């Protein structure tokens, strides 16, 4: 469910007509996309950071730079 909301928000932010792209630099900067749900078993709200540069939106959270896979406590190997 979270991925559906995120995909919709990113698509909406990135889908800009040609005329709007010419004026898009005034929207450059850091933004926050918030989706508020009204029904269902989802959380009440979801929020994602978005960065707009040269009129193009991208995900704004810090990227992981680790080369090793992350392990949650449930998937970590148990000590021998």
Foldseek 3Di string as FASTA:
>chain_A
DVVVVVVVVLCVQADDDPVVLVVQQVVFDKDKDKDADDDDDDPRMDIFIWGADSSGIDGDDDDDPDPDDDDDPVRDDDDD
